[in-house]
Amino acid sequence: MNREKIAILGAGGFTGKHFIDYLQRQNTGDRYEPILIDITPIESGYESHTIDACDHLMLKDVLDRISPVYIVNLMGILRSDDLNQLYRCNVEVSRHLMQYAVQAHVPVKKILLIGSAAEYGFVAENPVDENFPRNPVSAYGLSKVIQQEVVIARTFNLIGQGISNQLAIGAWREKIAEAADRATVRFGNLESYRDYMEVKDVVDIYWKLLLHAPGGEVYNVCSGSAVQMRTLLEQEIAQSGKNITIEIDRSLYKPDDLPIIYGNNSKLVHFLKNL
């Protein structure tokens, strides 16, 4: 039986690595053939291509050669004040994937693109569902709104092993690891509330959305509840085994830091329940 090929862009990133690990643990090799695409080399046992996927000609060349039936786009830039750069990688790549699907000689069954809670911006009430008006307050959030024509997984906050130090949890872990026992460490705003999910649970959801979700639908990928950032930091410190004093440094505050946001996941729960 011919295996169906799955092109995974951004396979070398935080979520990408967990997605690959998930596929290996699920023993999907009998039916599916993952093909990894990333800007850095990947060692996984799967076929991989090292390219800058933001270069649409390089991306098209690889896709033409591998002819994937499914495409998962996990790549993207988290932090940049340059909207052009965010647009090129967070929007243009998705547009080129859609163009490829229209022109491909092997029909593409599904493209899974990842959105963000940053699209919602400041919200008047929580939880927010998929129909909530989008009002991004950051360039990253704006780039994800532009991409929204094709996104079906609007993901809130992730936590897990290997998280980027560009994200709060990853930055905290780096500071805690470098700190001596009984040290005082400076942190930014810890009063805000966010909706977090373990990345291992999220990649399982991505896989099910890729295979089973109706095309054109949008799903909030979230826990449906909010946790205060201070609580998360205290948990990280406790897990480190160190006695660390938290000092708040207002110079580390971000101007676009939302006081609270968490998602309504009822649509996702209904989808998963009916699989």
Protein backbone atom coordinates (compact mmCIF):
# COMPACT_ATOMS: atom_id res chain seq x y z
CA MET A 1 0.00 0.00 0.00
CA ASN A 2 1.34 3.42 -0.94
CA ARG A 3 1.81 5.64 2.07
CA GLU A 4 0.34 9.14 2.05
CA LYS A 5 3.01 11.82 2.29
CA ILE A 6 2.77 14.57 4.91
CA ALA A 7 4.93 17.66 4.42
CA ILE A 8 5.73 19.24 7.81
CA LEU A 9 7.11 22.77 7.64
CA GLY A 10 8.94 24.07 10.70
CA ALA A 11 9.70 20.51 11.80
CA GLY A 12 12.80 21.65 13.69
CA GLY A 13 10.96 24.11 15.94
CA PHE A 14 9.49 23.67 19.43
CA THR A 15 6.11 22.32 18.30
CA GLY A 16 7.59 20.60 15.25
CA LYS A 17 9.89 18.41 17.34
CA HIS A 18 7.01 17.36 19.56
CA PHE A 19 4.84 16.66 16.51
CA ILE A 20 7.51 14.38 15.03
CA ASP A 21 7.93 12.60 18.37
CA TYR A 22 4.14 12.11 18.49
CA LEU A 23 4.06 10.55 15.01
CA GLN A 24 6.88 8.18 15.95
CA ARG A 25 5.10 7.11 19.14
CA GLN A 26 1.83 6.59 17.25
CA ASN A 27 3.49 4.23 14.75
CA THR A 28 1.95 6.06 11.79
CA GLY A 29 4.56 4.71 9.36
CA ASP A 30 2.27 2.05 7.86
CA ARG A 31 -0.11 4.63 6.40
CA TYR A 32 1.74 7.93 6.38
CA GLU A 33 5.18 9.14 5.33
CA PRO A 34 6.23 12.34 7.14
CA ILE A 35 8.63 14.54 5.16
CA LEU A 36 10.31 17.26 7.17
CA ILE A 37 11.08 20.78 5.96
CA ASP A 38 13.09 23.23 8.04
CA ILE A 39 15.78 25.88 7.73
CA THR A 40 18.13 23.77 9.89
CA PRO A 41 19.11 20.09 9.41
CA ILE A 42 16.98 17.54 11.27
CA GLU A 43 17.98 14.06 12.41
CA SER A 44 14.90 11.92 12.88
CA GLY A 45 14.99 8.95 10.51
CA TYR A 46 12.46 10.64 8.22
CA GLU A 47 13.20 12.19 4.84
CA SER A 48 14.05 15.85 5.38
CA HIS A 49 14.79 18.94 3.30
CA THR A 50 16.85 21.86 4.60
CA ILE A 51 15.56 25.02 2.93
CA ASP A 52 14.32 28.50 3.74
CA ALA A 53 10.61 27.87 3.25
CA CYS A 54 10.02 31.64 3.17
CA ASP A 55 11.61 31.47 -0.29
CA HIS A 56 8.56 30.44 -2.30
CA LEU A 57 10.59 29.10 -5.24
CA MET A 58 12.61 26.78 -2.99
CA LEU A 59 9.43 25.69 -1.23
CA LYS A 60 7.60 25.00 -4.49
CA ASP A 61 10.54 22.98 -5.80
CA VAL A 62 10.52 20.72 -2.74
CA LEU A 63 6.75 20.29 -2.77
CA ASP A 64 6.76 19.48 -6.49
CA ARG A 65 9.33 16.76 -5.86
CA ILE A 66 7.68 15.13 -2.85
CA SER A 67 3.98 15.59 -3.86
CA PRO A 68 2.46 15.59 -0.35
CA VAL A 69 -1.16 14.64 0.28
CA TYR A 70 -1.22 16.52 3.59
CA ILE A 71 0.64 19.70 4.59
CA VAL A 72 1.22 20.97 8.13
CA ASN A 73 2.69 24.45 8.57
CA LEU A 74 4.25 24.80 12.03
CA MET A 75 6.77 27.46 11.07
CA GLY A 76 6.58 31.13 11.96
CA ILE A 77 8.35 34.05 13.59
CA LEU A 78 7.40 34.80 17.19
CA ARG A 79 9.15 38.10 17.79
CA SER A 80 9.92 40.88 15.34
CA ASP A 81 9.14 44.58 15.08
CA ASP A 82 9.47 44.22 11.31
CA LEU A 83 5.97 43.63 9.95
CA ASN A 84 7.39 42.87 6.50
CA GLN A 85 9.42 39.99 7.93
CA LEU A 86 6.42 38.69 9.87
CA TYR A 87 4.24 38.97 6.76
CA ARG A 88 6.77 37.12 4.61
CA CYS A 89 7.08 34.14 6.94
CA ASN A 90 3.75 34.06 8.78
CA VAL A 91 1.51 34.96 5.85
CA GLU A 92 3.22 34.51 2.49
CA VAL A 93 4.22 30.91 3.22
CA SER A 94 0.58 30.02 3.88
CA ARG A 95 -0.52 31.76 0.69
CA HIS A 96 2.07 29.84 -1.34
CA LEU A 97 0.91 26.57 0.21
CA MET A 98 -2.65 27.30 -0.89
CA GLN A 99 -1.46 28.16 -4.39
CA TYR A 100 0.50 24.91 -4.52
CA ALA A 101 -2.58 22.92 -3.44
CA VAL A 102 -4.58 24.39 -6.33
CA GLN A 103 -1.89 23.59 -8.89
CA ALA A 104 -0.55 20.29 -7.52
CA HIS A 105 -0.71 17.25 -9.79
CA VAL A 106 -1.39 15.09 -6.70
CA PRO A 107 -4.57 16.29 -4.90
CA VAL A 108 -3.90 17.77 -1.45
CA LYS A 109 -6.47 16.49 1.03
CA LYS A 110 -5.83 18.91 3.87
CA ILE A 111 -3.59 21.80 4.89
CA LEU A 112 -3.29 22.52 8.60
CA LEU A 113 -2.17 26.06 9.44
CA ILE A 114 -1.67 27.37 12.94
CA GLY A 115 -3.17 30.63 14.17
CA SER A 116 -2.70 32.35 17.52
CA ALA A 117 -4.64 33.83 20.42
CA ALA A 118 -2.66 37.00 19.66
CA GLU A 119 -5.21 37.62 16.90
CA TYR A 120 -7.85 38.53 19.49
CA GLY A 121 -5.84 41.33 21.15
CA PHE A 122 -7.52 43.08 24.10
CA VAL A 123 -10.86 41.45 24.89
CA ALA A 124 -13.81 42.85 26.82
CA GLU A 125 -14.85 39.48 28.26
CA ASN A 126 -13.62 35.91 28.54
CA PRO A 127 -13.64 33.18 27.40
CA VAL A 128 -13.36 34.07 23.73
CA ASP A 129 -14.80 31.79 21.07
CA GLU A 130 -13.85 31.43 17.41
CA ASN A 131 -16.31 34.14 16.32
CA PHE A 132 -14.93 36.80 18.64
CA PRO A 133 -13.83 39.97 16.75
CA ARG A 134 -10.09 40.03 16.14
CA ASN A 135 -8.19 43.13 17.24
CA PRO A 136 -4.46 42.33 17.39
CA VAL A 137 -2.23 44.65 19.42
CA SER A 138 1.07 43.28 18.14
CA ALA A 139 2.64 42.88 14.70
CA TYR A 140 2.72 39.10 15.29
CA GLY A 141 -1.02 39.06 16.00
CA LEU A 142 -1.71 41.16 12.90
CA SER A 143 0.28 38.77 10.72
CA LYS A 144 -1.82 35.88 12.03
CA VAL A 145 -5.08 37.70 11.24
CA ILE A 146 -3.96 38.19 7.65
CA GLN A 147 -3.24 34.46 7.47
CA GLN A 148 -6.72 33.66 8.80
CA GLU A 149 -8.30 32.76 5.45
CA VAL A 150 -6.79 29.30 5.80
CA VAL A 151 -6.03 28.71 9.50
CA ILE A 152 -8.09 26.10 11.32
CA ALA A 153 -6.13 25.75 14.60
CA ARG A 154 -6.08 28.99 16.61
CA THR A 155 -3.66 28.04 19.36
CA PHE A 156 -3.36 29.81 22.68
CA ASN A 157 -0.24 29.34 24.89
CA LEU A 158 1.96 26.25 24.89
CA ILE A 159 4.19 24.78 27.57
CA GLY A 160 6.55 21.84 27.34
CA GLN A 161 10.10 20.58 27.09
CA GLY A 162 12.28 22.60 24.72
CA ILE A 163 10.13 25.74 24.71
CA SER A 164 11.79 28.77 23.10
CA ASN A 165 13.39 31.39 25.35
CA GLN A 166 11.53 33.96 23.25
CA LEU A 167 8.44 32.90 25.18
CA ALA A 168 7.86 33.68 28.85
CA ILE A 169 8.15 30.12 30.19
CA GLY A 170 11.33 29.45 28.22
CA ALA A 171 12.90 32.74 29.35
CA TRP A 172 12.04 31.93 32.97
CA ARG A 173 13.59 28.48 32.72
CA GLU A 174 16.77 29.98 31.35
CA LYS A 175 16.97 32.53 34.18
CA ILE A 176 16.23 29.90 36.84
CA ALA A 177 18.86 27.53 35.41
CA GLU A 178 21.50 30.28 35.47
CA ALA A 179 20.60 31.53 38.96
CA ALA A 180 22.37 30.39 42.10
CA ASP A 181 20.38 28.95 44.99
CA ARG A 182 18.92 31.72 47.20
CA ALA A 183 19.41 34.27 44.42
CA THR A 184 17.08 37.16 43.67
CA VAL A 185 15.93 37.14 40.04
CA ARG A 186 14.13 39.91 38.17
CA PHE A 187 10.99 39.18 36.15
CA GLY A 188 8.44 41.24 34.23
CA ASN A 189 4.66 41.35 34.64
CA LEU A 190 3.36 38.33 36.58
CA GLU A 191 -0.19 39.61 37.20
CA SER A 192 -1.62 38.66 33.80
CA TYR A 193 -3.60 35.48 33.14
CA ARG A 194 -3.16 33.14 30.19
CA ASP A 195 -4.59 29.89 28.80
CA TYR A 196 -1.88 27.20 28.64
CA MET A 197 -1.80 23.68 27.21
CA GLU A 198 0.91 21.04 27.23
CA VAL A 199 2.46 20.84 23.76
CA LYS A 200 2.25 17.03 23.74
CA ASP A 201 -1.54 17.28 24.04
CA VAL A 202 -1.64 19.98 21.36
CA VAL A 203 0.21 17.96 18.71
CA ASP A 204 -2.28 15.14 19.25
CA ILE A 205 -5.06 17.66 18.53
CA TYR A 206 -3.22 18.91 15.43
CA TRP A 207 -2.99 15.38 14.08
CA LYS A 208 -6.72 14.78 14.58
CA LEU A 209 -7.62 18.12 13.02
CA LEU A 210 -5.39 17.36 10.03
CA LEU A 211 -7.05 14.02 9.35
CA HIS A 212 -10.65 14.59 10.42
CA ALA A 213 -11.65 18.27 10.67
CA PRO A 214 -13.88 19.70 7.92
CA GLY A 215 -12.08 22.10 5.62
CA GLY A 216 -12.56 25.81 6.28
CA GLU A 217 -13.30 25.46 9.99
CA VAL A 218 -11.51 27.34 12.79
CA TYR A 219 -10.90 25.75 16.19
CA ASN A 220 -9.61 27.37 19.37
CA VAL A 221 -6.88 25.05 20.66
CA CYS A 222 -6.95 25.93 24.34
CA SER A 223 -7.73 24.59 27.81
CA GLY A 224 -10.73 26.84 28.41
CA SER A 225 -9.33 28.29 31.65
CA ALA A 226 -6.79 30.90 32.72
CA VAL A 227 -3.85 30.68 35.11
CA GLN A 228 -1.91 33.60 36.56
CA MET A 229 1.65 33.93 35.32
CA ARG A 230 2.94 34.25 38.89
CA THR A 231 1.49 30.83 39.68
CA LEU A 232 3.28 29.31 36.70
CA LEU A 233 6.57 30.94 37.68
CA GLU A 234 6.29 29.69 41.25
CA GLN A 235 5.72 26.19 39.90
CA GLU A 236 8.82 26.45 37.71
CA ILE A 237 10.92 27.61 40.66
CA ALA A 238 9.58 24.80 42.86
CA GLN A 239 10.43 22.21 40.20
CA SER A 240 13.99 23.55 40.00
CA GLY A 241 14.58 22.79 43.68
CA LYS A 242 16.13 26.23 44.19
CA ASN A 243 15.16 28.88 46.70
CA ILE A 244 14.74 31.92 44.47
CA THR A 245 13.30 35.30 45.40
CA ILE A 246 11.12 36.95 42.76
CA GLU A 247 11.75 40.63 42.10
CA ILE A 248 9.44 42.56 39.77
CA ASP A 249 11.18 44.82 37.24
CA ARG A 250 8.72 47.13 35.47
CA SER A 251 11.28 47.83 32.75
CA LEU A 252 10.65 44.26 31.57
CA TYR A 253 6.93 44.87 31.06
CA LYS A 254 5.63 44.69 27.48
CA PRO A 255 3.32 47.43 26.22
CA ASP A 256 1.02 44.92 24.50
CA ASP A 257 0.70 42.58 27.49
CA LEU A 258 -2.99 41.69 27.91
CA PRO A 259 -4.34 41.50 31.49
CA ILE A 260 -6.27 38.29 30.80
CA ILE A 261 -7.28 36.11 27.88
CA TYR A 262 -8.49 32.54 27.71
CA GLY A 263 -10.42 30.60 25.13
CA ASN A 264 -13.75 28.89 24.71
CA ASN A 265 -12.85 25.36 23.62
CA SER A 266 -16.39 23.96 23.34
CA LYS A 267 -16.16 23.60 19.55
CA LEU A 268 -12.89 21.65 19.85
CA VAL A 269 -14.23 19.47 22.66
CA HIS A 270 -17.31 18.63 20.55
CA PHE A 271 -15.10 17.77 17.56
CA LEU A 272 -12.85 15.48 19.62
CA LYS A 273 -15.78 13.84 21.37
CA ASN A 274 -17.36 12.87 18.05
CA LEU A 275 -14.30 11.32 16.41
